Amino acid sequence: MGRAPIAGQFELSCSHFSSLTVESLYEALKLRSAIFVVEQDCVYQDMDDVDISAHHCLIKSDDEVIAVSRLIPPDDRGAMSIGRVAVTETLRKTGLGRLLMIYSEDQCSNLWPNAARIQLSAQVYIQRFYESLGYSAYGAEYLEDGIPHIGMQKIM
């Protein structure tokens, strides 16, 4: 499938779950499900209890959610997490994923300025993308819902 041109201006937002509008939440979960369940043919429970305590970054274009991420507060070791990073299929490799990650990292720094690092669980096929953003792999590859993943982190 070809890449569609990016129309209109981007609207970037980051909100705690409890502050999301019903429409934004629906669109974010719809995008995540389209990618992580349907496109990747992976039957798993995408919506989990972590969503409720997380902040959710959304990028919209023309009132449509085109990219999402989930920010998880720091654990007891000072590691915050970025997860559920998703970009609509037609807009991949356009720089939108990079924009989303930079925005997500900025939001993490604003929300939790004393956190020491950001961690994520990367699908192995996209490891180089995260390395280009300053993340380093740690540990061995593992399967998560049947898909190869690697732990990655970035010191803040």
C-alpha atoms as a PDB file:
ATOM      1  CA  MET A   1       0.000   0.000   0.000  1.00  0.00           C
ATOM      2  CA  GLY A   2       1.421   3.416  -0.901  1.00  0.00           C
ATOM      3  CA  ARG A   3       1.942   6.262   1.479  1.00  0.00           C
ATOM      4  CA  ALA A   4      -0.722   8.931   1.545  1.00  0.00           C
ATOM      5  CA  PRO A   5       0.318  12.562   1.736  1.00  0.00           C
ATOM      6  CA  ILE A   6       0.016  14.112   5.162  1.00  0.00           C
ATOM      7  CA  ALA A   7      -2.946  16.478   4.988  1.00  0.00           C
ATOM      8  CA  GLY A   8      -3.660  19.484   7.132  1.00  0.00           C
ATOM      9  CA  GLN A   9      -1.878  20.497  10.295  1.00  0.00           C
ATOM     10  CA  PHE A  10      -0.966  18.082  13.039  1.00  0.00           C
ATOM     11  CA  GLU A  11      -2.592  18.368  16.417  1.00  0.00           C
ATOM     12  CA  LEU A  12      -0.411  16.840  19.134  1.00  0.00           C
ATOM     13  CA  SER A  13      -1.858  16.170  22.562  1.00  0.00           C
ATOM     14  CA  CYS A  14      -0.988  14.218  25.657  1.00  0.00           C
ATOM     15  CA  SER A  15      -3.609  13.523  28.283  1.00  0.00           C
ATOM     16  CA  HIS A  16      -4.113  11.267  31.228  1.00  0.00           C
ATOM     17  CA  PHE A  17      -6.629   8.520  30.484  1.00  0.00           C
ATOM     18  CA  SER A  18      -9.225  10.214  32.683  1.00  0.00           C
ATOM     19  CA  SER A  19      -8.982  13.419  30.628  1.00  0.00           C
ATOM     20  CA  LEU A  20      -9.375  11.888  27.173  1.00  0.00           C
ATOM     21  CA  THR A  21     -12.611  12.554  25.351  1.00  0.00           C
ATOM     22  CA  VAL A  22     -14.667   9.500  24.520  1.00  0.00           C
ATOM     23  CA  GLU A  23     -14.035  10.152  20.821  1.00  0.00           C
ATOM     24  CA  SER A  24     -10.244  10.442  21.220  1.00  0.00           C
ATOM     25  CA  LEU A  25     -10.093   7.311  23.347  1.00  0.00           C
ATOM     26  CA  TYR A  26     -12.172   5.406  20.816  1.00  0.00           C
ATOM     27  CA  GLU A  27      -9.991   6.554  17.894  1.00  0.00           C
ATOM     28  CA  ALA A  28      -6.763   5.703  19.754  1.00  0.00           C
ATOM     29  CA  LEU A  29      -7.959   2.222  20.697  1.00  0.00           C
ATOM     30  CA  LYS A  30      -9.316   1.677  17.183  1.00  0.00           C
ATOM     31  CA  LEU A  31      -5.886   2.504  15.685  1.00  0.00           C
ATOM     32  CA  ARG A  32      -4.056   0.281  18.167  1.00  0.00           C
ATOM     33  CA  SER A  33      -6.433  -2.599  17.469  1.00  0.00           C
ATOM     34  CA  ALA A  34      -6.107  -2.162  13.697  1.00  0.00           C
ATOM     35  CA  ILE A  35      -2.328  -2.473  13.968  1.00  0.00           C
ATOM     36  CA  PHE A  36      -1.564  -4.756  16.900  1.00  0.00           C
ATOM     37  CA  VAL A  37      -4.488  -7.171  16.541  1.00  0.00           C
ATOM     38  CA  VAL A  38      -5.659  -7.121  12.905  1.00  0.00           C
ATOM     39  CA  GLU A  39      -2.581  -6.127  10.869  1.00  0.00           C
ATOM     40  CA  GLN A  40      -0.163  -8.198  12.955  1.00  0.00           C
ATOM     41  CA  ASP A  41      -2.657 -11.069  13.204  1.00  0.00           C
ATOM     42  CA  CYS A  42      -2.107 -11.276  16.943  1.00  0.00           C
ATOM     43  CA  VAL A  43      -4.962 -12.197  19.217  1.00  0.00           C
ATOM     44  CA  TYR A  44      -4.315 -10.528  22.549  1.00  0.00           C
ATOM     45  CA  GLN A  45      -5.951  -8.104  24.955  1.00  0.00           C
ATOM     46  CA  ASP A  46      -4.651  -4.707  23.828  1.00  0.00           C
ATOM     47  CA  MET A  47      -6.718  -2.743  26.325  1.00  0.00           C
ATOM     48  CA  ASP A  48      -5.389  -3.444  29.789  1.00  0.00           C
ATOM     49  CA  ASP A  49      -5.441  -1.933  33.247  1.00  0.00           C
ATOM     50  CA  VAL A  50      -2.232  -0.008  32.469  1.00  0.00           C
ATOM     51  CA  ASP A  51      -4.189   2.271  30.110  1.00  0.00           C
ATOM     52  CA  ILE A  52      -6.128   3.702  33.048  1.00  0.00           C
ATOM     53  CA  SER A  53      -3.033   4.986  34.888  1.00  0.00           C
ATOM     54  CA  ALA A  54      -1.153   6.109  31.761  1.00  0.00           C
ATOM     55  CA  HIS A  55      -0.926   9.271  29.722  1.00  0.00           C
ATOM     56  CA  HIS A  56      -1.776   8.902  26.049  1.00  0.00           C
ATOM     57  CA  CYS A  57      -0.126  10.888  23.276  1.00  0.00           C
ATOM     58  CA  LEU A  58      -2.173  11.393  20.135  1.00  0.00           C
ATOM     59  CA  ILE A  59      -1.349  12.937  16.795  1.00  0.00           C
ATOM     60  CA  LYS A  60      -4.365  13.968  14.778  1.00  0.00           C
ATOM     61  CA  SER A  61      -4.671  15.259  11.244  1.00  0.00           C
ATOM     62  CA  ASP A  62      -7.996  16.613  10.046  1.00  0.00           C
ATOM     63  CA  ASP A  63      -9.579  15.376  13.315  1.00  0.00           C
ATOM     64  CA  GLU A  64      -8.416  11.793  12.681  1.00  0.00           C
ATOM     65  CA  VAL A  65      -6.042  10.027  15.097  1.00  0.00           C
ATOM     66  CA  ILE A  66      -3.074   8.950  12.967  1.00  0.00           C
ATOM     67  CA  ALA A  67      -0.517   8.062  15.654  1.00  0.00           C
ATOM     68  CA  VAL A  68      -0.577   7.102  19.325  1.00  0.00           C
ATOM     69  CA  SER A  69       1.681   6.200  22.225  1.00  0.00           C
ATOM     70  CA  ARG A  70       1.200   5.362  25.876  1.00  0.00           C
ATOM     71  CA  LEU A  71       3.354   6.839  28.656  1.00  0.00           C
ATOM     72  CA  ILE A  72       3.706   4.848  31.854  1.00  0.00           C
ATOM     73  CA  PRO A  73       4.911   6.522  35.087  1.00  0.00           C
ATOM     74  CA  PRO A  74       8.344   5.652  36.500  1.00  0.00           C
ATOM     75  CA  ASP A  75       8.777   2.426  38.394  1.00  0.00           C
ATOM     76  CA  ASP A  76      10.681   2.162  41.700  1.00  0.00           C
ATOM     77  CA  ARG A  77      13.977   2.197  39.747  1.00  0.00           C
ATOM     78  CA  GLY A  78      13.171   5.498  38.034  1.00  0.00           C
ATOM     79  CA  ALA A  79      12.338   4.003  34.636  1.00  0.00           C
ATOM     80  CA  MET A  80       9.340   5.415  32.818  1.00  0.00           C
ATOM     81  CA  SER A  81       8.022   3.587  29.752  1.00  0.00           C
ATOM     82  CA  ILE A  82       6.713   4.414  26.322  1.00  0.00           C
ATOM     83  CA  GLY A  83       4.552   1.748  24.759  1.00  0.00           C
ATOM     84  CA  ARG A  84       1.742   0.982  22.341  1.00  0.00           C
ATOM     85  CA  VAL A  85       3.517   3.184  19.754  1.00  0.00           C
ATOM     86  CA  ALA A  86       1.425   3.041  16.595  1.00  0.00           C
ATOM     87  CA  VAL A  87       1.294   4.970  13.326  1.00  0.00           C
ATOM     88  CA  THR A  88      -1.412   4.429  10.758  1.00  0.00           C
ATOM     89  CA  GLU A  89      -0.116   2.151   8.002  1.00  0.00           C
ATOM     90  CA  THR A  90      -0.281   4.664   5.149  1.00  0.00           C
ATOM     91  CA  LEU A  91       1.833   7.224   7.033  1.00  0.00           C
ATOM     92  CA  ARG A  92       4.746   5.032   8.098  1.00  0.00           C
ATOM     93  CA  LYS A  93       8.214   6.044   6.903  1.00  0.00           C
ATOM     94  CA  THR A  94       7.108   9.677   6.572  1.00  0.00           C
ATOM     95  CA  GLY A  95       8.766  10.912   9.780  1.00  0.00           C
ATOM     96  CA  LEU A  96       5.539  10.716  11.761  1.00  0.00           C
ATOM     97  CA  GLY A  97       6.869   7.951  14.034  1.00  0.00           C
ATOM     98  CA  ARG A  98       9.955  10.038  14.825  1.00  0.00           C
ATOM     99  CA  LEU A  99       7.743  13.060  15.580  1.00  0.00           C
ATOM    100  CA  LEU A 100       5.577  10.911  17.857  1.00  0.00           C
ATOM    101  CA  MET A 101       8.572   9.526  19.763  1.00  0.00           C
ATOM    102  CA  ILE A 102      10.228  12.920  20.236  1.00  0.00           C
ATOM    103  CA  TYR A 103       6.933  14.356  21.448  1.00  0.00           C
ATOM    104  CA  SER A 104       6.404  11.356  23.755  1.00  0.00           C
ATOM    105  CA  GLU A 105       9.895  11.720  25.234  1.00  0.00           C
ATOM    106  CA  ASP A 106       9.311  15.453  25.825  1.00  0.00           C
ATOM    107  CA  GLN A 107       6.045  14.666  27.582  1.00  0.00           C
ATOM    108  CA  CYS A 108       7.763  12.033  29.758  1.00  0.00           C
ATOM    109  CA  SER A 109      10.403  14.595  30.760  1.00  0.00           C
ATOM    110  CA  ASN A 110       7.716  17.173  31.596  1.00  0.00           C
ATOM    111  CA  LEU A 111       5.546  14.731  33.536  1.00  0.00           C
ATOM    112  CA  TRP A 112       8.353  12.988  35.441  1.00  0.00           C
ATOM    113  CA  PRO A 113      11.429  15.264  35.446  1.00  0.00           C
ATOM    114  CA  ASN A 114      13.292  13.171  38.035  1.00  0.00           C
ATOM    115  CA  ALA A 115      13.050   9.875  36.152  1.00  0.00           C
ATOM    116  CA  ALA A 116      16.390   8.413  35.105  1.00  0.00           C
ATOM    117  CA  ARG A 117      15.516   6.661  31.857  1.00  0.00           C
ATOM    118  CA  ILE A 118      12.851   5.622  29.375  1.00  0.00           C
ATOM    119  CA  GLN A 119      12.308   1.940  28.649  1.00  0.00           C
ATOM    120  CA  LEU A 120      10.371   0.292  25.870  1.00  0.00           C
ATOM    121  CA  SER A 121       9.687  -3.140  24.483  1.00  0.00           C
ATOM    122  CA  ALA A 122      10.506  -2.908  20.776  1.00  0.00           C
ATOM    123  CA  GLN A 123       9.475  -5.278  18.076  1.00  0.00           C
ATOM    124  CA  VAL A 124      12.811  -6.517  16.713  1.00  0.00           C
ATOM    125  CA  TYR A 125      12.069  -5.466  13.131  1.00  0.00           C
ATOM    126  CA  ILE A 126      11.964  -1.809  14.234  1.00  0.00           C
ATOM    127  CA  GLN A 127      14.971  -1.889  16.591  1.00  0.00           C
ATOM    128  CA  ARG A 128      17.106   0.291  14.283  1.00  0.00           C
ATOM    129  CA  PHE A 129      14.448   3.013  14.341  1.00  0.00           C
ATOM    130  CA  TYR A 130      14.675   3.222  18.132  1.00  0.00           C
ATOM    131  CA  GLU A 131      18.490   3.089  18.015  1.00  0.00           C
ATOM    132  CA  SER A 132      18.389   6.126  15.700  1.00  0.00           C
ATOM    133  CA  LEU A 133      16.576   7.940  18.526  1.00  0.00           C
ATOM    134  CA  GLY A 134      19.280   7.071  21.082  1.00  0.00           C
ATOM    135  CA  TYR A 135      17.872   3.864  22.577  1.00  0.00           C
ATOM    136  CA  SER A 136      20.117   0.905  23.379  1.00  0.00           C
ATOM    137  CA  ALA A 137      19.057  -2.722  23.459  1.00  0.00           C
ATOM    138  CA  TYR A 138      19.498  -4.712  26.648  1.00  0.00           C
ATOM    139  CA  GLY A 139      18.869  -8.348  27.449  1.00  0.00           C
ATOM    140  CA  ALA A 140      17.994 -11.141  25.081  1.00  0.00           C
ATOM    141  CA  GLU A 141      15.267 -11.175  22.472  1.00  0.00           C
ATOM    142  CA  TYR A 142      11.970 -12.611  23.680  1.00  0.00           C
ATOM    143  CA  LEU A 143       8.562 -13.436  22.293  1.00  0.00           C
ATOM    144  CA  GLU A 144       5.649 -11.260  23.302  1.00  0.00           C
ATOM    145  CA  ASP A 145       2.346 -12.503  21.925  1.00  0.00           C
ATOM    146  CA  GLY A 146       4.313 -14.548  19.374  1.00  0.00           C
ATOM    147  CA  ILE A 147       6.273 -11.545  18.018  1.00  0.00           C
ATOM    148  CA  PRO A 148      10.054 -11.145  18.601  1.00  0.00           C
ATOM    149  CA  HIS A 149      10.820  -8.196  20.921  1.00  0.00           C
ATOM    150  CA  ILE A 150      13.873  -6.658  22.569  1.00  0.00           C
ATOM    151  CA  GLY A 151      14.086  -4.448  25.655  1.00  0.00           C
ATOM    152  CA  MET A 152      15.473  -0.988  24.933  1.00  0.00           C
ATOM    153  CA  GLN A 153      16.273   2.032  27.067  1.00  0.00           C
ATOM    154  CA  LYS A 154      17.422   5.625  26.816  1.00  0.00           C
ATOM    155  CA  ILE A 155      19.173   7.409  29.663  1.00  0.00           C
ATOM    156  CA  MET A 156      17.698  10.852  30.248  1.00  0.00           C
END
